[in-house]
N, C-alpha and C. Protein backbone atom coordinates (compact mmCIF):
# COMPACT_ATOMS: atom_id res chain seq x y z
N MET A 1 0.84 -1.18 0.00
CA MET A 1 0.00 0.00 0.00
C MET A 1 0.88 1.24 0.00
N ALA A 2 0.66 2.12 -0.95
CA ALA A 2 1.43 3.36 -0.99
C ALA A 2 0.93 4.31 0.08
N ARG A 3 1.86 5.07 0.65
CA ARG A 3 1.47 6.07 1.65
C ARG A 3 1.01 7.32 0.92
N LYS A 4 -0.20 7.26 0.37
CA LYS A 4 -0.72 8.35 -0.44
C LYS A 4 -2.22 8.45 -0.24
N CYS A 5 -2.73 9.67 -0.13
CA CYS A 5 -4.16 9.89 0.03
C CYS A 5 -4.84 9.73 -1.33
N ASP A 6 -5.95 8.96 -1.36
CA ASP A 6 -6.67 8.74 -2.60
C ASP A 6 -7.50 9.96 -3.02
N ILE A 7 -7.74 10.90 -2.13
CA ILE A 7 -8.54 12.08 -2.45
C ILE A 7 -7.66 13.24 -2.94
N CYS A 8 -6.70 13.66 -2.13
CA CYS A 8 -5.91 14.85 -2.47
C CYS A 8 -4.52 14.52 -3.00
N GLY A 9 -4.06 13.27 -2.84
CA GLY A 9 -2.75 12.90 -3.36
C GLY A 9 -1.59 13.24 -2.43
N LYS A 10 -1.89 13.59 -1.18
CA LYS A 10 -0.83 13.89 -0.22
C LYS A 10 0.01 12.63 0.02
N HIS A 11 1.34 12.79 0.05
CA HIS A 11 2.21 11.62 0.18
C HIS A 11 3.42 11.96 1.05
N THR A 12 4.27 10.98 1.27
CA THR A 12 5.46 11.17 2.09
C THR A 12 6.45 12.09 1.36
N THR A 13 6.98 13.06 2.11
CA THR A 13 7.98 13.96 1.55
C THR A 13 9.23 13.90 2.42
N ALA A 14 10.38 14.13 1.80
CA ALA A 14 11.65 14.09 2.52
C ALA A 14 11.99 15.47 3.04
N GLY A 15 12.71 15.48 4.14
CA GLY A 15 13.13 16.74 4.72
C GLY A 15 14.35 16.53 5.58
N GLY A 16 14.64 17.49 6.42
CA GLY A 16 15.82 17.39 7.26
C GLY A 16 15.56 17.93 8.64
N GLN A 17 16.31 17.38 9.61
CA GLN A 17 16.26 17.86 10.99
C GLN A 17 17.63 18.43 11.31
N ILE A 18 17.65 19.64 11.83
CA ILE A 18 18.92 20.29 12.16
C ILE A 18 19.05 20.33 13.68
N THR A 19 20.17 19.83 14.20
CA THR A 19 20.44 19.86 15.63
C THR A 19 21.40 21.00 15.91
N ARG A 20 21.03 21.86 16.87
CA ARG A 20 21.85 23.02 17.21
C ARG A 20 22.25 22.96 18.69
N ARG A 21 23.40 23.55 19.00
CA ARG A 21 23.84 23.64 20.38
C ARG A 21 24.28 25.06 20.67
N GLY A 22 24.21 25.42 21.91
CA GLY A 22 24.70 26.73 22.35
C GLY A 22 23.57 27.72 22.55
N LEU A 23 23.82 28.69 23.40
CA LEU A 23 22.85 29.73 23.70
C LEU A 23 23.00 30.86 22.67
N ALA A 24 21.89 31.35 22.18
CA ALA A 24 21.92 32.41 21.17
C ALA A 24 22.57 33.67 21.73
N LYS A 25 23.17 34.44 20.84
CA LYS A 25 23.88 35.65 21.27
C LYS A 25 22.94 36.66 21.92
N LYS A 26 21.71 36.72 21.40
CA LYS A 26 20.79 37.71 21.96
C LYS A 26 20.35 37.35 23.38
N TYR A 27 20.62 36.12 23.81
CA TYR A 27 20.30 35.72 25.18
C TYR A 27 21.55 35.65 26.05
N GLY A 28 22.67 36.18 25.56
CA GLY A 28 23.88 36.25 26.36
C GLY A 28 24.88 35.14 26.12
N GLY A 29 24.64 34.29 25.13
CA GLY A 29 25.57 33.20 24.85
C GLY A 29 26.59 33.59 23.79
N VAL A 30 27.37 32.59 23.37
CA VAL A 30 28.38 32.84 22.34
C VAL A 30 27.86 32.52 20.95
N GLY A 31 26.60 32.13 20.85
CA GLY A 31 26.00 31.84 19.55
C GLY A 31 25.69 30.36 19.40
N SER A 32 24.63 30.06 18.65
CA SER A 32 24.26 28.65 18.43
C SER A 32 24.99 28.13 17.20
N ARG A 33 25.35 26.85 17.25
CA ARG A 33 26.08 26.22 16.16
C ARG A 33 25.34 24.98 15.70
N VAL A 34 25.41 24.71 14.41
CA VAL A 34 24.77 23.52 13.85
C VAL A 34 25.68 22.33 14.13
N ILE A 35 25.13 21.30 14.73
CA ILE A 35 25.89 20.12 15.10
C ILE A 35 25.67 18.98 14.10
N ALA A 36 24.42 18.78 13.65
CA ALA A 36 24.13 17.64 12.78
C ALA A 36 22.98 17.96 11.84
N HIS A 37 23.02 17.35 10.66
CA HIS A 37 21.92 17.36 9.71
C HIS A 37 21.45 15.93 9.56
N ASN A 38 20.20 15.65 9.88
CA ASN A 38 19.66 14.30 9.75
C ASN A 38 18.49 14.31 8.77
N LYS A 39 18.47 13.32 7.87
CA LYS A 39 17.35 13.20 6.95
C LYS A 39 16.18 12.58 7.68
N ARG A 40 14.98 13.02 7.34
CA ARG A 40 13.78 12.46 7.93
C ARG A 40 12.64 12.48 6.93
N ALA A 41 11.54 11.80 7.26
CA ALA A 41 10.39 11.73 6.38
C ALA A 41 9.19 12.38 7.05
N PHE A 42 8.47 13.19 6.30
CA PHE A 42 7.22 13.77 6.76
C PHE A 42 6.09 12.94 6.17
N ARG A 43 5.42 12.16 7.01
CA ARG A 43 4.39 11.25 6.54
C ARG A 43 3.00 11.80 6.83
N PRO A 44 2.05 11.65 5.90
CA PRO A 44 0.69 12.13 6.14
C PRO A 44 -0.04 11.21 7.12
N ASN A 45 -1.04 11.76 7.78
CA ASN A 45 -1.84 11.01 8.75
C ASN A 45 -2.95 10.29 7.97
N LEU A 46 -2.66 9.06 7.52
CA LEU A 46 -3.58 8.32 6.66
C LEU A 46 -4.46 7.38 7.45
N LYS A 47 -5.72 7.27 7.04
CA LYS A 47 -6.69 6.35 7.63
C LYS A 47 -7.28 5.51 6.52
N ARG A 48 -7.60 4.26 6.85
CA ARG A 48 -8.24 3.36 5.88
C ARG A 48 -9.71 3.29 6.24
N VAL A 49 -10.57 3.86 5.40
CA VAL A 49 -11.99 3.98 5.71
C VAL A 49 -12.84 3.42 4.58
N ARG A 50 -14.07 3.05 4.93
CA ARG A 50 -15.05 2.64 3.93
C ARG A 50 -15.75 3.89 3.42
N ALA A 51 -15.88 4.00 2.11
CA ALA A 51 -16.49 5.17 1.52
C ALA A 51 -17.28 4.75 0.28
N VAL A 52 -18.19 5.62 -0.13
CA VAL A 52 -18.98 5.40 -1.34
C VAL A 52 -18.22 6.00 -2.51
N VAL A 53 -17.77 5.15 -3.44
CA VAL A 53 -17.05 5.59 -4.62
C VAL A 53 -17.77 5.04 -5.84
N ASN A 54 -18.29 5.94 -6.68
CA ASN A 54 -19.06 5.56 -7.88
C ASN A 54 -20.24 4.64 -7.54
N GLY A 55 -20.88 4.92 -6.42
CA GLY A 55 -22.06 4.16 -6.02
C GLY A 55 -21.78 2.85 -5.33
N ALA A 56 -20.53 2.49 -5.15
CA ALA A 56 -20.18 1.22 -4.49
C ALA A 56 -19.39 1.51 -3.22
N ASN A 57 -19.58 0.65 -2.21
CA ASN A 57 -18.84 0.79 -0.96
C ASN A 57 -17.47 0.13 -1.11
N THR A 58 -16.41 0.92 -0.98
CA THR A 58 -15.06 0.40 -1.09
C THR A 58 -14.20 0.99 0.02
N ARG A 59 -13.07 0.34 0.28
CA ARG A 59 -12.12 0.85 1.26
C ARG A 59 -11.08 1.70 0.52
N ILE A 60 -10.88 2.91 1.02
CA ILE A 60 -9.89 3.80 0.42
C ILE A 60 -8.98 4.34 1.53
N THR A 61 -7.81 4.80 1.13
CA THR A 61 -6.86 5.40 2.05
C THR A 61 -6.98 6.91 1.94
N VAL A 62 -7.34 7.55 3.06
CA VAL A 62 -7.63 8.98 3.05
C VAL A 62 -6.86 9.64 4.18
N CYS A 63 -6.35 10.85 3.94
CA CYS A 63 -5.68 11.57 5.01
C CYS A 63 -6.72 12.19 5.95
N ALA A 64 -6.30 12.44 7.18
CA ALA A 64 -7.21 12.94 8.21
C ALA A 64 -7.77 14.32 7.85
N SER A 65 -6.99 15.12 7.13
CA SER A 65 -7.47 16.46 6.78
C SER A 65 -8.62 16.39 5.78
N CYS A 66 -8.61 15.40 4.87
CA CYS A 66 -9.72 15.24 3.93
C CYS A 66 -10.96 14.72 4.65
N LEU A 67 -10.77 13.83 5.62
CA LEU A 67 -11.90 13.34 6.41
C LEU A 67 -12.54 14.48 7.18
N GLN A 68 -11.72 15.32 7.80
CA GLN A 68 -12.24 16.42 8.61
C GLN A 68 -12.92 17.47 7.74
N ALA A 69 -12.45 17.63 6.50
CA ALA A 69 -13.04 18.63 5.60
C ALA A 69 -14.34 18.13 4.98
N GLY A 70 -14.67 16.85 5.17
CA GLY A 70 -15.92 16.31 4.63
C GLY A 70 -15.85 15.95 3.17
N LYS A 71 -14.66 15.63 2.66
CA LYS A 71 -14.51 15.28 1.25
C LYS A 71 -14.85 13.83 0.97
N VAL A 72 -15.15 13.04 2.02
CA VAL A 72 -15.44 11.62 1.88
C VAL A 72 -16.88 11.38 2.29
N THR A 73 -17.64 10.67 1.44
CA THR A 73 -19.01 10.30 1.80
C THR A 73 -18.98 8.86 2.29
N LYS A 74 -19.38 8.67 3.54
CA LYS A 74 -19.37 7.35 4.14
C LYS A 74 -20.68 6.64 3.82
N PRO A 75 -20.67 5.29 3.78
CA PRO A 75 -21.90 4.56 3.48
C PRO A 75 -22.91 4.68 4.61
N VAL A 76 -24.19 4.48 4.26
CA VAL A 76 -25.27 4.58 5.23
C VAL A 76 -25.20 3.37 6.16
N LYS A 77 -25.34 3.63 7.48
CA LYS A 77 -25.33 2.53 8.45
C LYS A 77 -26.63 1.76 8.34
N ARG A 78 -26.51 0.43 8.27
CA ARG A 78 -27.70 -0.41 8.21
C ARG A 78 -28.15 -0.73 9.62
N ASN A 79 -29.45 -0.75 9.85
CA ASN A 79 -30.01 -1.02 11.16
C ASN A 79 -30.39 -2.49 11.21
N TRP A 80 -29.47 -3.35 11.64
CA TRP A 80 -29.72 -4.78 11.67
C TRP A 80 -30.32 -5.17 13.00
N GLN A 81 -31.40 -5.96 12.94
CA GLN A 81 -32.01 -6.47 14.15
C GLN A 81 -32.26 -7.96 13.98
N PRO A 82 -31.98 -8.75 15.02
CA PRO A 82 -32.21 -10.19 14.90
C PRO A 82 -33.69 -10.51 14.74
N ALA A 83 -33.97 -11.58 14.00
CA ALA A 83 -35.37 -11.95 13.74
C ALA A 83 -36.00 -12.65 14.93
């Protein structure tokens, strides 16, 4: 399964984390220095939900922001009762 939203296409992007040491000069230190550059991944908050797609109920992978924005129509809950 690809880490990609089926609605908006949001996917994993690469980035970096910078580690710094030292107190900034404006706070009375000798200045902050970069110690390390580490690669990291920014992953979307994906959920696997049942949704109505072209009139059929299917499972799709959707990011939380699309769910919250109401871009997904969920199937109608059936009211099952034992006979």
